[in-house]
Amino acid sequence: MAEHHTGPVETGAPMDYKEHEKTYDMFIAGTKYGTMLLVVLLLAMTVGFFGGAGFLGGLFIFVFLLAIAILLLR
């Protein structure tokens, strides 16, 4: 049947808070830059497909906006 524990069931290893903070910071940076990359890609595709700029114009806009976005997000 049920066991009755008087203390903590599992104590586990001590938490490594510095490693947790590094992982969290990497996750936030990946999310931030990944979202920025997708937004810039969609804008460049819109300019290339619907703006009449073509593939090279869309590629130029992509590289240009990507450089600006990276500088702004630092």
Protein backbone atom coordinates (compact mmCIF):
# COMPACT_ATOMS: atom_id res chain seq x y z
CA MET A 1 0.00 0.00 0.00
CA ALA A 2 1.02 3.63 0.41
CA GLU A 3 4.29 4.43 2.04
CA HIS A 4 4.50 7.22 4.57
CA HIS A 5 7.63 9.32 4.26
CA THR A 6 8.60 11.67 7.01
CA GLY A 7 11.28 13.62 5.11
CA PRO A 8 11.78 14.80 1.55
CA VAL A 9 11.27 12.04 -0.97
CA GLU A 10 14.18 13.10 -3.15
CA THR A 11 16.83 15.63 -2.30
CA GLY A 12 18.68 15.46 -5.62
CA ALA A 13 21.85 17.26 -6.55
CA PRO A 14 22.40 20.90 -5.63
CA MET A 15 21.22 23.34 -8.28
CA ASP A 16 23.81 24.96 -10.53
CA TYR A 17 22.27 28.42 -10.83
CA LYS A 18 25.04 29.85 -13.01
CA GLU A 19 24.46 27.11 -15.58
CA HIS A 20 20.71 27.73 -15.42
CA GLU A 21 21.24 31.44 -16.08
CA LYS A 22 23.56 30.70 -19.02
CA THR A 23 21.01 28.34 -20.53
CA TYR A 24 18.21 30.87 -20.05
CA ASP A 25 20.28 33.67 -21.61
CA MET A 26 21.10 31.44 -24.60
CA PHE A 27 17.41 30.56 -25.01
CA ILE A 28 16.38 34.24 -24.93
CA ALA A 29 19.10 35.19 -27.44
CA GLY A 30 18.13 32.33 -29.75
CA THR A 31 14.48 33.32 -29.58
CA LYS A 32 15.26 36.99 -30.18
CA TYR A 33 17.57 36.44 -33.14
CA GLY A 34 15.44 33.64 -34.59
CA THR A 35 12.34 35.84 -34.56
CA MET A 36 14.31 38.69 -36.10
CA LEU A 37 15.61 36.40 -38.84
CA LEU A 38 12.13 35.19 -39.74
CA VAL A 39 10.68 38.72 -39.81
CA VAL A 40 13.50 39.95 -42.05
CA LEU A 41 13.09 36.92 -44.32
CA LEU A 42 9.35 37.54 -44.69
CA LEU A 43 9.93 41.23 -45.45
CA ALA A 44 12.55 40.38 -48.07
CA MET A 45 10.26 37.78 -49.65
CA THR A 46 7.45 40.32 -49.78
CA VAL A 47 9.67 42.87 -51.51
CA GLY A 48 11.04 40.25 -53.91
CA PHE A 49 7.74 38.65 -54.86
CA PHE A 50 5.22 41.46 -54.69
CA GLY A 51 7.35 44.58 -54.94
CA GLY A 52 8.77 43.72 -58.32
CA ALA A 53 12.36 43.62 -57.07
CA GLY A 54 12.91 39.99 -58.04
CA PHE A 55 15.28 37.53 -56.45
CA LEU A 56 18.35 39.76 -56.35
CA GLY A 57 16.39 42.71 -54.97
CA GLY A 58 14.90 40.50 -52.26
CA LEU A 59 18.33 39.12 -51.44
CA PHE A 60 19.78 42.62 -51.18
CA ILE A 61 16.92 43.72 -48.90
CA PHE A 62 17.39 40.58 -46.78
CA VAL A 63 21.11 41.21 -46.23
CA PHE A 64 20.55 44.93 -45.62
CA LEU A 65 17.73 44.45 -43.10
CA LEU A 66 19.55 41.60 -41.40
CA ALA A 67 22.62 43.79 -40.80
CA ILE A 68 20.48 46.61 -39.42
CA ALA A 69 18.46 44.28 -37.20
CA ILE A 70 21.58 42.64 -35.74
CA LEU A 71 23.02 46.05 -34.91
CA LEU A 72 19.77 47.17 -33.28
CA LEU A 73 19.32 44.04 -31.18
CA ARG A 74 22.77 44.03 -29.60
